[in-house]
Amino acid sequence: MSDRDLYSGLIRLHILYHAGKEEIFGLGIIEELARHGYKLSAGTLYPILHGLERKGYLRSYEHRDGRRIRRVYEATAAGKKALAAAKVKVTELVGELFEDEPARKRAKPKSKKR
């Protein structure tokens, strides 16, 4: 399993989160994901967006911005519901992943007595 496989679900959650807050477009979400350390090309992002749209989590439309026409995406009610359910699962997972983290930080190495 590659790192990409592990992160693909997180990337989809990021996209749904931002699309639920405001309308997003390709370059804007690529830049937002880059701020989180994900380096995606348009060739990687657009199939993800189209897949989320096919599943009914996103809807898109063309928006004229001056002379430029952009495809803009927003989360649907189904996408927002799926994100809310995923938040519960992610919160549970994060709790498990870092459950004993404070104990490890507090633990001091045993000193050897001579």
PDB file of N, CA and C in Angstrom:
ATOM      1  N   MET A   1       0.860  -1.184   0.000  1.00  0.00           N
ATOM      2  CA  MET A   1       0.000   0.000   0.000  1.00  0.00           C
ATOM      3  C   MET A   1       0.897   1.235   0.000  1.00  0.00           C
ATOM      4  N   SER A   2       0.592   2.153  -0.853  1.00  0.00           N
ATOM      5  CA  SER A   2       1.403   3.368  -0.952  1.00  0.00           C
ATOM      6  C   SER A   2       0.844   4.453  -0.043  1.00  0.00           C
ATOM      7  N   ASP A   3       1.666   5.483   0.195  1.00  0.00           N
ATOM      8  CA  ASP A   3       1.201   6.639   0.963  1.00  0.00           C
ATOM      9  C   ASP A   3      -0.017   7.259   0.291  1.00  0.00           C
ATOM     10  N   ARG A   4      -0.020   7.277  -1.015  1.00  0.00           N
ATOM     11  CA  ARG A   4      -1.143   7.856  -1.771  1.00  0.00           C
ATOM     12  C   ARG A   4      -2.445   7.140  -1.414  1.00  0.00           C
ATOM     13  N   ASP A   5      -2.367   5.809  -1.276  1.00  0.00           N
ATOM     14  CA  ASP A   5      -3.561   5.047  -0.901  1.00  0.00           C
ATOM     15  C   ASP A   5      -4.069   5.472   0.470  1.00  0.00           C
ATOM     16  N   LEU A   6      -3.151   5.678   1.396  1.00  0.00           N
ATOM     17  CA  LEU A   6      -3.541   6.090   2.747  1.00  0.00           C
ATOM     18  C   LEU A   6      -4.153   7.484   2.760  1.00  0.00           C
ATOM     19  N   TYR A   7      -3.602   8.377   1.983  1.00  0.00           N
ATOM     20  CA  TYR A   7      -4.035   9.770   2.017  1.00  0.00           C
ATOM     21  C   TYR A   7      -5.249  10.070   1.150  1.00  0.00           C
ATOM     22  N   SER A   8      -5.609   9.179   0.247  1.00  0.00           N
ATOM     23  CA  SER A   8      -6.693   9.499  -0.686  1.00  0.00           C
ATOM     24  C   SER A   8      -8.008   9.772   0.037  1.00  0.00           C
ATOM     25  N   GLY A   9      -8.297   9.029   1.077  1.00  0.00           N
ATOM     26  CA  GLY A   9      -9.515   9.281   1.847  1.00  0.00           C
ATOM     27  C   GLY A   9      -9.465  10.618   2.557  1.00  0.00           C
ATOM     28  N   LEU A  10      -8.291  10.968   3.085  1.00  0.00           N
ATOM     29  CA  LEU A  10      -8.148  12.263   3.759  1.00  0.00           C
ATOM     30  C   LEU A  10      -8.327  13.410   2.773  1.00  0.00           C
ATOM     31  N   ILE A  11      -7.804  13.235   1.584  1.00  0.00           N
ATOM     32  CA  ILE A  11      -7.950  14.270   0.551  1.00  0.00           C
ATOM     33  C   ILE A  11      -9.430  14.460   0.215  1.00  0.00           C
ATOM     34  N   ARG A  12     -10.150  13.372   0.079  1.00  0.00           N
ATOM     35  CA  ARG A  12     -11.585  13.469  -0.210  1.00  0.00           C
ATOM     36  C   ARG A  12     -12.325  14.184   0.921  1.00  0.00           C
ATOM     37  N   LEU A  13     -11.939  13.898   2.159  1.00  0.00           N
ATOM     38  CA  LEU A  13     -12.565  14.581   3.299  1.00  0.00           C
ATOM     39  C   LEU A  13     -12.249  16.072   3.283  1.00  0.00           C
ATOM     40  N   HIS A  14     -11.010  16.421   2.974  1.00  0.00           N
ATOM     41  CA  HIS A  14     -10.641  17.846   2.847  1.00  0.00           C
ATOM     42  C   HIS A  14     -11.510  18.527   1.793  1.00  0.00           C
ATOM     43  N   ILE A  15     -11.649  17.881   0.658  1.00  0.00           N
ATOM     44  CA  ILE A  15     -12.439  18.458  -0.429  1.00  0.00           C
ATOM     45  C   ILE A  15     -13.887  18.654   0.017  1.00  0.00           C
ATOM     46  N   LEU A  16     -14.475  17.625   0.617  1.00  0.00           N
ATOM     47  CA  LEU A  16     -15.862  17.744   1.077  1.00  0.00           C
ATOM     48  C   LEU A  16     -16.010  18.836   2.129  1.00  0.00           C
ATOM     49  N   TYR A  17     -15.038  18.912   3.026  1.00  0.00           N
ATOM     50  CA  TYR A  17     -15.086  19.940   4.071  1.00  0.00           C
ATOM     51  C   TYR A  17     -15.120  21.339   3.448  1.00  0.00           C
ATOM     52  N   HIS A  18     -14.182  21.605   2.565  1.00  0.00           N
ATOM     53  CA  HIS A  18     -14.097  22.943   1.962  1.00  0.00           C
ATOM     54  C   HIS A  18     -15.285  23.223   1.041  1.00  0.00           C
ATOM     55  N   ALA A  19     -15.749  22.207   0.331  1.00  0.00           N
ATOM     56  CA  ALA A  19     -16.911  22.392  -0.545  1.00  0.00           C
ATOM     57  C   ALA A  19     -18.187  22.610   0.263  1.00  0.00           C
ATOM     58  N   GLY A  20     -18.184  22.172   1.510  1.00  0.00           N
ATOM     59  CA  GLY A  20     -19.323  22.419   2.385  1.00  0.00           C
ATOM     60  C   GLY A  20     -19.317  23.807   2.980  1.00  0.00           C
ATOM     61  N   LYS A  21     -18.138  24.412   3.047  1.00  0.00           N
ATOM     62  CA  LYS A  21     -17.999  25.763   3.597  1.00  0.00           C
ATOM     63  C   LYS A  21     -18.236  26.835   2.544  1.00  0.00           C
ATOM     64  N   GLU A  22     -17.755  26.564   1.325  1.00  0.00           N
ATOM     65  CA  GLU A  22     -17.864  27.542   0.246  1.00  0.00           C
ATOM     66  C   GLU A  22     -17.679  26.835  -1.088  1.00  0.00           C
ATOM     67  N   GLU A  23     -17.990  27.520  -2.152  1.00  0.00           N
ATOM     68  CA  GLU A  23     -17.764  26.960  -3.480  1.00  0.00           C
ATOM     69  C   GLU A  23     -16.262  26.830  -3.699  1.00  0.00           C
ATOM     70  N   ILE A  24     -15.859  25.750  -4.336  1.00  0.00           N
ATOM     71  CA  ILE A  24     -14.440  25.531  -4.616  1.00  0.00           C
ATOM     72  C   ILE A  24     -14.259  25.342  -6.117  1.00  0.00           C
ATOM     73  N   PHE A  25     -13.017  25.518  -6.556  1.00  0.00           N
ATOM     74  CA  PHE A  25     -12.664  25.251  -7.948  1.00  0.00           C
ATOM     75  C   PHE A  25     -11.312  24.566  -7.944  1.00  0.00           C
ATOM     76  N   GLY A  26     -10.953  23.946  -9.052  1.00  0.00           N
ATOM     77  CA  GLY A  26      -9.769  23.097  -9.127  1.00  0.00           C
ATOM     78  C   GLY A  26      -8.497  23.697  -8.580  1.00  0.00           C
ATOM     79  N   LEU A  27      -8.044  24.808  -9.150  1.00  0.00           N
ATOM     80  CA  LEU A  27      -6.776  25.398  -8.720  1.00  0.00           C
ATOM     81  C   LEU A  27      -6.838  25.825  -7.257  1.00  0.00           C
ATOM     82  N   GLY A  28      -7.958  26.357  -6.838  1.00  0.00           N
ATOM     83  CA  GLY A  28      -8.104  26.788  -5.448  1.00  0.00           C
ATOM     84  C   GLY A  28      -7.959  25.639  -4.473  1.00  0.00           C
ATOM     85  N   ILE A  29      -8.551  24.493  -4.789  1.00  0.00           N
ATOM     86  CA  ILE A  29      -8.455  23.356  -3.877  1.00  0.00           C
ATOM     87  C   ILE A  29      -7.073  22.722  -3.957  1.00  0.00           C
ATOM     88  N   ILE A  30      -6.422  22.760  -5.115  1.00  0.00           N
ATOM     89  CA  ILE A  30      -5.038  22.273  -5.213  1.00  0.00           C
ATOM     90  C   ILE A  30      -4.149  23.100  -4.286  1.00  0.00           C
ATOM     91  N   GLU A  31      -4.325  24.411  -4.296  1.00  0.00           N
ATOM     92  CA  GLU A  31      -3.533  25.291  -3.425  1.00  0.00           C
ATOM     93  C   GLU A  31      -3.858  25.045  -1.954  1.00  0.00           C
ATOM     94  N   GLU A  32      -5.127  24.862  -1.633  1.00  0.00           N
ATOM     95  CA  GLU A  32      -5.522  24.596  -0.244  1.00  0.00           C
ATOM     96  C   GLU A  32      -4.922  23.281   0.243  1.00  0.00           C
ATOM     97  N   LEU A  33      -5.009  22.248  -0.565  1.00  0.00           N
ATOM     98  CA  LEU A  33      -4.441  20.959  -0.182  1.00  0.00           C
ATOM     99  C   LEU A  33      -2.926  21.043  -0.045  1.00  0.00           C
ATOM    100  N   ALA A  34      -2.274  21.854  -0.873  1.00  0.00           N
ATOM    101  CA  ALA A  34      -0.819  22.036  -0.777  1.00  0.00           C
ATOM    102  C   ALA A  34      -0.443  22.640   0.573  1.00  0.00           C
ATOM    103  N   ARG A  35      -1.296  23.502   1.119  1.00  0.00           N
ATOM    104  CA  ARG A  35      -1.023  24.079   2.447  1.00  0.00           C
ATOM    105  C   ARG A  35      -1.023  23.013   3.534  1.00  0.00           C
ATOM    106  N   HIS A  36      -1.676  21.898   3.245  1.00  0.00           N
ATOM    107  CA  HIS A  36      -1.718  20.787   4.193  1.00  0.00           C
ATOM    108  C   HIS A  36      -0.683  19.711   3.852  1.00  0.00           C
ATOM    109  N   GLY A  37       0.159  19.981   2.862  1.00  0.00           N
ATOM    110  CA  GLY A  37       1.224  19.052   2.519  1.00  0.00           C
ATOM    111  C   GLY A  37       0.898  18.065   1.409  1.00  0.00           C
ATOM    112  N   TYR A  38      -0.278  18.162   0.816  1.00  0.00           N
ATOM    113  CA  TYR A  38      -0.647  17.274  -0.287  1.00  0.00           C
ATOM    114  C   TYR A  38      -0.278  17.941  -1.604  1.00  0.00           C
ATOM    115  N   LYS A  39       0.455  17.226  -2.430  1.00  0.00           N
ATOM    116  CA  LYS A  39       0.836  17.764  -3.737  1.00  0.00           C
ATOM    117  C   LYS A  39       0.052  17.002  -4.803  1.00  0.00           C
ATOM    118  N   LEU A  40      -0.994  17.642  -5.299  1.00  0.00           N
ATOM    119  CA  LEU A  40      -1.843  17.021  -6.307  1.00  0.00           C
ATOM    120  C   LEU A  40      -1.756  17.785  -7.609  1.00  0.00           C
ATOM    121  N   SER A  41      -1.734  17.052  -8.687  1.00  0.00           N
ATOM    122  CA  SER A  41      -1.818  17.681 -10.009  1.00  0.00           C
ATOM    123  C   SER A  41      -3.294  17.757 -10.391  1.00  0.00           C
ATOM    124  N   ALA A  42      -3.580  18.547 -11.395  1.00  0.00           N
ATOM    125  CA  ALA A  42      -4.951  18.624 -11.910  1.00  0.00           C
ATOM    126  C   ALA A  42      -5.397  17.249 -12.404  1.00  0.00           C
ATOM    127  N   GLY A  43      -4.470  16.492 -12.965  1.00  0.00           N
ATOM    128  CA  GLY A  43      -4.781  15.155 -13.468  1.00  0.00           C
ATOM    129  C   GLY A  43      -5.151  14.169 -12.378  1.00  0.00           C
ATOM    130  N   THR A  44      -4.758  14.458 -11.153  1.00  0.00           N
ATOM    131  CA  THR A  44      -5.149  13.636 -10.009  1.00  0.00           C
ATOM    132  C   THR A  44      -6.424  14.174  -9.372  1.00  0.00           C
ATOM    133  N   LEU A  45      -6.517  15.494  -9.253  1.00  0.00           N
ATOM    134  CA  LEU A  45      -7.652  16.105  -8.563  1.00  0.00           C
ATOM    135  C   LEU A  45      -8.971  15.927  -9.307  1.00  0.00           C
ATOM    136  N   TYR A  46      -8.984  16.206 -10.599  1.00  0.00           N
ATOM    137  CA  TYR A  46     -10.268  16.206 -11.313  1.00  0.00           C
ATOM    138  C   TYR A  46     -10.972  14.851 -11.316  1.00  0.00           C
ATOM    139  N   PRO A  47     -10.266  13.734 -11.443  1.00  0.00           N
ATOM    140  CA  PRO A  47     -10.977  12.452 -11.300  1.00  0.00           C
ATOM    141  C   PRO A  47     -11.586  12.268  -9.900  1.00  0.00           C
ATOM    142  N   ILE A  48     -10.920  12.797  -8.874  1.00  0.00           N
ATOM    143  CA  ILE A  48     -11.480  12.730  -7.519  1.00  0.00           C
ATOM    144  C   ILE A  48     -12.758  13.561  -7.448  1.00  0.00           C
ATOM    145  N   LEU A  49     -12.699  14.793  -7.972  1.00  0.00           N
ATOM    146  CA  LEU A  49     -13.884  15.657  -7.972  1.00  0.00           C
ATOM    147  C   LEU A  49     -15.031  15.012  -8.749  1.00  0.00           C
ATOM    148  N   HIS A  50     -14.716  14.452  -9.917  1.00  0.00           N
ATOM    149  CA  HIS A  50     -15.758  13.814 -10.731  1.00  0.00           C
ATOM    150  C   HIS A  50     -16.346  12.600 -10.019  1.00  0.00           C
ATOM    151  N   GLY A  51     -15.499  11.850  -9.328  1.00  0.00           N
ATOM    152  CA  GLY A  51     -15.987  10.693  -8.568  1.00  0.00           C
ATOM    153  C   GLY A  51     -16.914  11.110  -7.437  1.00  0.00           C
ATOM    154  N   LEU A  52     -16.548  12.174  -6.718  1.00  0.00           N
ATOM    155  CA  LEU A  52     -17.408  12.678  -5.644  1.00  0.00           C
ATOM    156  C   LEU A  52     -18.724  13.204  -6.207  1.00  0.00           C
ATOM    157  N   GLU A  53     -18.655  13.764  -7.394  1.00  0.00           N
ATOM    158  CA  GLU A  53     -19.872  14.261  -8.040  1.00  0.00           C
ATOM    159  C   GLU A  53     -20.766  13.090  -8.483  1.00  0.00           C
ATOM    160  N   ARG A  54     -20.164  12.049  -9.051  1.00  0.00           N
ATOM    161  CA  ARG A  54     -20.940  10.866  -9.472  1.00  0.00           C
ATOM    162  C   ARG A  54     -21.644  10.204  -8.285  1.00  0.00           C
ATOM    163  N   LYS A  55     -20.984  10.229  -7.133  1.00  0.00           N
ATOM    164  CA  LYS A  55     -21.579   9.627  -5.931  1.00  0.00           C
ATOM    165  C   LYS A  55     -22.639  10.518  -5.296  1.00  0.00           C
ATOM    166  N   GLY A  56     -22.769  11.728  -5.803  1.00  0.00           N
ATOM    167  CA  GLY A  56     -23.785  12.628  -5.277  1.00  0.00           C
ATOM    168  C   GLY A  56     -23.327  13.484  -4.110  1.00  0.00           C
ATOM    169  N   TYR A  57     -22.020  13.489  -3.814  1.00  0.00           N
ATOM    170  CA  TYR A  57     -21.494  14.282  -2.698  1.00  0.00           C
ATOM    171  C   TYR A  57     -21.193  15.725  -3.097  1.00  0.00           C
ATOM    172  N   LEU A  58     -20.922  15.936  -4.377  1.00  0.00           N
ATOM    173  CA  LEU A  58     -20.661  17.279  -4.903  1.00  0.00           C
ATOM    174  C   LEU A  58     -21.583  17.534  -6.083  1.00  0.00           C
ATOM    175  N   ARG A  59     -21.837  18.799  -6.349  1.00  0.00           N
ATOM    176  CA  ARG A  59     -22.481  19.202  -7.602  1.00  0.00           C
ATOM    177  C   ARG A  59     -21.621  20.316  -8.169  1.00  0.00           C
ATOM    178  N   SER A  60     -21.647  20.459  -9.472  1.00  0.00           N
ATOM    179  CA  SER A  60     -20.815  21.480 -10.099  1.00  0.00           C
ATOM    180  C   SER A  60     -21.622  22.257 -11.123  1.00  0.00           C
ATOM    181  N   TYR A  61     -21.119  23.417 -11.422  1.00  0.00           N
ATOM    182  CA  TYR A  61     -21.716  24.253 -12.464  1.00  0.00           C
ATOM    183  C   TYR A  61     -20.637  25.192 -12.972  1.00  0.00           C
ATOM    184  N   GLU A  62     -20.877  25.753 -14.145  1.00  0.00           N
ATOM    185  CA  GLU A  62     -19.925  26.706 -14.715  1.00  0.00           C
ATOM    186  C   GLU A  62     -20.221  28.095 -14.177  1.00  0.00           C
ATOM    187  N   HIS A  63     -19.157  28.802 -13.832  1.00  0.00           N
ATOM    188  CA  HIS A  63     -19.274  30.155 -13.278  1.00  0.00           C
ATOM    189  C   HIS A  63     -18.343  31.071 -14.066  1.00  0.00           C
ATOM    190  N   ARG A  64     -18.886  32.174 -14.545  1.00  0.00           N
ATOM    191  CA  ARG A  64     -18.063  33.132 -15.286  1.00  0.00           C
ATOM    192  C   ARG A  64     -17.430  34.085 -14.285  1.00  0.00           C
ATOM    193  N   ASP A  65     -16.102  34.153 -14.324  1.00  0.00           N
ATOM    194  CA  ASP A  65     -15.327  35.051 -13.469  1.00  0.00           C
ATOM    195  C   ASP A  65     -14.605  36.021 -14.406  1.00  0.00           C
ATOM    196  N   GLY A  66     -15.248  37.141 -14.697  1.00  0.00           N
ATOM    197  CA  GLY A  66     -14.690  38.041 -15.704  1.00  0.00           C
ATOM    198  C   GLY A  66     -14.812  37.386 -17.063  1.00  0.00           C
ATOM    199  N   ARG A  67     -13.678  37.198 -17.715  1.00  0.00           N
ATOM    200  CA  ARG A  67     -13.678  36.564 -19.038  1.00  0.00           C
ATOM    201  C   ARG A  67     -13.470  35.061 -18.953  1.00  0.00           C
ATOM    202  N   ARG A  68     -13.142  34.601 -17.774  1.00  0.00           N
ATOM    203  CA  ARG A  68     -12.824  33.184 -17.592  1.00  0.00           C
ATOM    204  C   ARG A  68     -14.064  32.428 -17.093  1.00  0.00           C
ATOM    205  N   ILE A  69     -14.233  31.220 -17.581  1.00  0.00           N
ATOM    206  CA  ILE A  69     -15.304  30.347 -17.098  1.00  0.00           C
ATOM    207  C   ILE A  69     -14.654  29.238 -16.279  1.00  0.00           C
ATOM    208  N   ARG A  70     -15.135  29.083 -15.042  1.00  0.00           N
ATOM    209  CA  ARG A  70     -14.613  28.047 -14.148  1.00  0.00           C
ATOM    210  C   ARG A  70     -15.719  27.063 -13.811  1.00  0.00           C
ATOM    211  N   ARG A  71     -15.313  25.825 -13.580  1.00  0.00           N
ATOM    212  CA  ARG A  71     -16.247  24.843 -13.028  1.00  0.00           C
ATOM    213  C   ARG A  71     -16.099  24.942 -11.520  1.00  0.00           C
ATOM    214  N   VAL A  72     -17.212  25.207 -10.861  1.00  0.00           N
ATOM    215  CA  VAL A  72     -17.240  25.405  -9.418  1.00  0.00           C
ATOM    216  C   VAL A  72     -17.977  24.221  -8.790  1.00  0.00           C
ATOM    217  N   TYR A  73     -17.486  23.784  -7.632  1.00  0.00           N
ATOM    218  CA  TYR A  73     -18.071  22.634  -6.941  1.00  0.00           C
ATOM    219  C   TYR A  73     -18.577  23.069  -5.576  1.00  0.00           C
ATOM    220  N   GLU A  74     -19.681  22.433  -5.142  1.00  0.00           N
ATOM    221  CA  GLU A  74     -20.181  22.653  -3.791  1.00  0.00           C
ATOM    222  C   GLU A  74     -20.711  21.326  -3.266  1.00  0.00           C
ATOM    223  N   ALA A  75     -20.695  21.184  -1.953  1.00  0.00           N
ATOM    224  CA  ALA A  75     -21.178  19.948  -1.342  1.00  0.00           C
ATOM    225  C   ALA A  75     -22.699  19.897  -1.410  1.00  0.00           C
ATOM    226  N   THR A  76     -23.213  18.726  -1.662  1.00  0.00           N
ATOM    227  CA  THR A  76     -24.660  18.500  -1.639  1.00  0.00           C
ATOM    228  C   THR A  76     -25.068  18.143  -0.208  1.00  0.00           C
ATOM    229  N   ALA A  77     -26.355  18.006   0.019  1.00  0.00           N
ATOM    230  CA  ALA A  77     -26.836  17.561   1.331  1.00  0.00           C
ATOM    231  C   ALA A  77     -26.261  16.180   1.654  1.00  0.00           C
ATOM    232  N   ALA A  78     -26.199  15.305   0.650  1.00  0.00           N
ATOM    233  CA  ALA A  78     -25.629  13.965   0.855  1.00  0.00           C
ATOM    234  C   ALA A  78     -24.144  14.052   1.194  1.00  0.00           C
ATOM    235  N   GLY A  79     -23.429  14.975   0.552  1.00  0.00           N
ATOM    236  CA  GLY A  79     -22.009  15.163   0.845  1.00  0.00           C
ATOM    237  C   GLY A  79     -21.790  15.667   2.256  1.00  0.00           C
ATOM    238  N   LYS A  80     -22.626  16.597   2.700  1.00  0.00           N
ATOM    239  CA  LYS A  80     -22.518  17.130   4.065  1.00  0.00           C
ATOM    240  C   LYS A  80     -22.849  16.052   5.094  1.00  0.00           C
ATOM    241  N   LYS A  81     -23.831  15.222   4.777  1.00  0.00           N
ATOM    242  CA  LYS A  81     -24.199  14.126   5.677  1.00  0.00           C
ATOM    243  C   LYS A  81     -23.060  13.103   5.766  1.00  0.00           C
ATOM    244  N   ALA A  82     -22.468  12.777   4.621  1.00  0.00           N
ATOM    245  CA  ALA A  82     -21.342  11.833   4.598  1.00  0.00           C
ATOM    246  C   ALA A  82     -20.154  12.393   5.371  1.00  0.00           C
ATOM    247  N   LEU A  83     -19.901  13.692   5.229  1.00  0.00           N
ATOM    248  CA  LEU A  83     -18.803  14.323   5.963  1.00  0.00           C
ATOM    249  C   LEU A  83     -19.064  14.273   7.462  1.00  0.00           C
ATOM    250  N   ALA A  84     -20.285  14.535   7.890  1.00  0.00           N
ATOM    251  CA  ALA A  84     -20.621  14.483   9.317  1.00  0.00           C
ATOM    252  C   ALA A  84     -20.387  13.078   9.872  1.00  0.00           C
ATOM    253  N   ALA A  85     -20.769  12.057   9.120  1.00  0.00           N
ATOM    254  CA  ALA A  85     -20.545  10.676   9.553  1.00  0.00           C
ATOM    255  C   ALA A  85     -19.051  10.364   9.597  1.00  0.00           C
ATOM    256  N   ALA A  86     -18.308  10.852   8.620  1.00  0.00           N
ATOM    257  CA  ALA A  86     -16.860  10.617   8.580  1.00  0.00           C
ATOM    258  C   ALA A  86     -16.162  11.307   9.746  1.00  0.00           C
ATOM    259  N   LYS A  87     -16.651  12.482  10.143  1.00  0.00           N
ATOM    260  CA  LYS A  87     -16.046  13.198  11.277  1.00  0.00           C
ATOM    261  C   LYS A  87     -16.090  12.346  12.538  1.00  0.00           C
ATOM    262  N   VAL A  88     -17.199  11.656  12.755  1.00  0.00           N
ATOM    263  CA  VAL A  88     -17.326  10.785  13.925  1.00  0.00           C
ATOM    264  C   VAL A  88     -16.269   9.689  13.866  1.00  0.00           C
ATOM    265  N   LYS A  89     -16.134   9.078  12.705  1.00  0.00           N
ATOM    266  CA  LYS A  89     -15.152   7.996  12.541  1.00  0.00           C
ATOM    267  C   LYS A  89     -13.717   8.504  12.688  1.00  0.00           C
ATOM    268  N   VAL A  90     -13.424   9.657  12.104  1.00  0.00           N
ATOM    269  CA  VAL A  90     -12.075  10.225  12.180  1.00  0.00           C
ATOM    270  C   VAL A  90     -11.749  10.611  13.623  1.00  0.00           C
ATOM    271  N   THR A  91     -12.715  11.184  14.331  1.00  0.00           N
ATOM    272  CA  THR A  91     -12.497  11.552  15.728  1.00  0.00           C
ATOM    273  C   THR A  91     -12.169  10.313  16.551  1.00  0.00           C
ATOM    274  N   GLU A  92     -12.899   9.239  16.315  1.00  0.00           N
ATOM    275  CA  GLU A  92     -12.648   7.982  17.016  1.00  0.00           C
ATOM    276  C   GLU A  92     -11.250   7.454  16.690  1.00  0.00           C
ATOM    277  N   LEU A  93     -10.883   7.486  15.419  1.00  0.00           N
ATOM    278  CA  LEU A  93      -9.572   6.999  14.999  1.00  0.00           C
ATOM    279  C   LEU A  93      -8.452   7.822  15.614  1.00  0.00           C
ATOM    280  N   VAL A  94      -8.581   9.135  15.576  1.00  0.00           N
ATOM    281  CA  VAL A  94      -7.542  10.007  16.141  1.00  0.00           C
ATOM    282  C   VAL A  94      -7.393   9.718  17.631  1.00  0.00           C
ATOM    283  N   GLY A  95      -8.507   9.523  18.313  1.00  0.00           N
ATOM    284  CA  GLY A  95      -8.446   9.173  19.728  1.00  0.00           C
ATOM    285  C   GLY A  95      -7.657   7.896  19.956  1.00  0.00           C
ATOM    286  N   GLU A  96      -7.892   6.894  19.127  1.00  0.00           N
ATOM    287  CA  GLU A  96      -7.157   5.635  19.255  1.00  0.00           C
ATOM    288  C   GLU A  96      -5.686   5.800  18.902  1.00  0.00           C
ATOM    289  N   LEU A  97      -5.400   6.540  17.847  1.00  0.00           N
ATOM    290  CA  LEU A  97      -4.012   6.704  17.414  1.00  0.00           C
ATOM    291  C   LEU A  97      -3.162   7.394  18.471  1.00  0.00           C
ATOM    292  N   PHE A  98      -3.756   8.350  19.177  1.00  0.00           N
ATOM    293  CA  PHE A  98      -2.985   9.147  20.126  1.00  0.00           C
ATOM    294  C   PHE A  98      -3.380   8.886  21.572  1.00  0.00           C
ATOM    295  N   GLU A  99      -4.091   7.804  21.800  1.00  0.00           N
ATOM    296  CA  GLU A  99      -4.611   7.453  23.108  1.00  0.00           C
ATOM    297  C   GLU A  99      -3.548   7.456  24.198  1.00  0.00           C
ATOM    298  N   ASP A 100      -2.427   6.796  23.978  1.00  0.00           N
ATOM    299  CA  ASP A 100      -1.410   6.715  25.024  1.00  0.00           C
ATOM    300  C   ASP A 100      -0.241   7.657  24.773  1.00  0.00           C
ATOM    301  N   GLU A 101      -0.410   8.603  23.886  1.00  0.00           N
ATOM    302  CA  GLU A 101       0.659   9.558  23.570  1.00  0.00           C
ATOM    303  C   GLU A 101       1.135  10.318  24.808  1.00  0.00           C
ATOM    304  N   PRO A 102       0.249  10.889  25.631  1.00  0.00           N
ATOM    305  CA  PRO A 102       0.730  11.621  26.810  1.00  0.00           C
ATOM    306  C   PRO A 102       1.523  10.727  27.758  1.00  0.00           C
ATOM    307  N   ALA A 103       1.115   9.465  27.895  1.00  0.00           N
ATOM    308  CA  ALA A 103       1.832   8.552  28.778  1.00  0.00           C
ATOM    309  C   ALA A 103       3.253   8.321  28.273  1.00  0.00           C
ATOM    310  N   ARG A 104       3.423   8.202  26.991  1.00  0.00           N
ATOM    311  CA  ARG A 104       4.765   7.999  26.433  1.00  0.00           C
ATOM    312  C   ARG A 104       5.623   9.229  26.623  1.00  0.00           C
ATOM    313  N   LYS A 105       5.027  10.400  26.498  1.00  0.00           N
ATOM    314  CA  LYS A 105       5.803  11.625  26.679  1.00  0.00           C
ATOM    315  C   LYS A 105       6.233  11.782  28.128  1.00  0.00           C
ATOM    316  N   ARG A 106       5.381  11.332  29.057  1.00  0.00           N
ATOM    317  CA  ARG A 106       5.704  11.469  30.480  1.00  0.00           C
ATOM    318  C   ARG A 106       6.721  10.434  30.925  1.00  0.00           C
ATOM    319  N   ALA A 107       6.737   9.309  30.260  1.00  0.00           N
ATOM    320  CA  ALA A 107       7.630   8.228  30.674  1.00  0.00           C
ATOM    321  C   ALA A 107       9.079   8.660  30.508  1.00  0.00           C
ATOM    322  N   LYS A 108       9.828   8.439  31.544  1.00  0.00           N
ATOM    323  CA  LYS A 108      11.255   8.775  31.496  1.00  0.00           C
ATOM    324  C   LYS A 108      12.045   7.481  31.384  1.00  0.00           C
ATOM    325  N   PRO A 109      13.156   7.526  30.674  1.00  0.00           N
ATOM    326  CA  PRO A 109      13.972   6.312  30.581  1.00  0.00           C
ATOM    327  C   PRO A 109      14.501   5.939  31.962  1.00  0.00           C
ATOM    328  N   LYS A 110      14.548   4.633  32.216  1.00  0.00           N
ATOM    329  CA  LYS A 110      15.055   4.164  33.505  1.00  0.00           C
ATOM    330  C   LYS A 110      16.555   4.373  33.555  1.00  0.00           C
ATOM    331  N   SER A 111      17.006   4.878  34.686  1.00  0.00           N
ATOM    332  CA  SER A 111      18.452   5.062  34.835  1.00  0.00           C
ATOM    333  C   SER A 111      19.050   3.763  35.347  1.00  0.00           C
ATOM    334  N   LYS A 112      20.240   3.481  34.887  1.00  0.00           N
ATOM    335  CA  LYS A 112      20.920   2.263  35.302  1.00  0.00           C
ATOM    336  C   LYS A 112      21.666   2.539  36.595  1.00  0.00           C
ATOM    337  N   LYS A 113      21.434   1.673  37.595  1.00  0.00           N
ATOM    338  CA  LYS A 113      22.152   1.806  38.866  1.00  0.00           C
ATOM    339  C   LYS A 113      23.411   0.979  38.784  1.00  0.00           C
ATOM    340  N   ARG A 114      24.471   1.551  39.292  1.00  0.00           N
ATOM    341  CA  ARG A 114      25.740   0.814  39.259  1.00  0.00           C
ATOM    342  C   ARG A 114      26.146   0.447  40.628  1.00  0.00           C
TER     343      ARG A 114
END
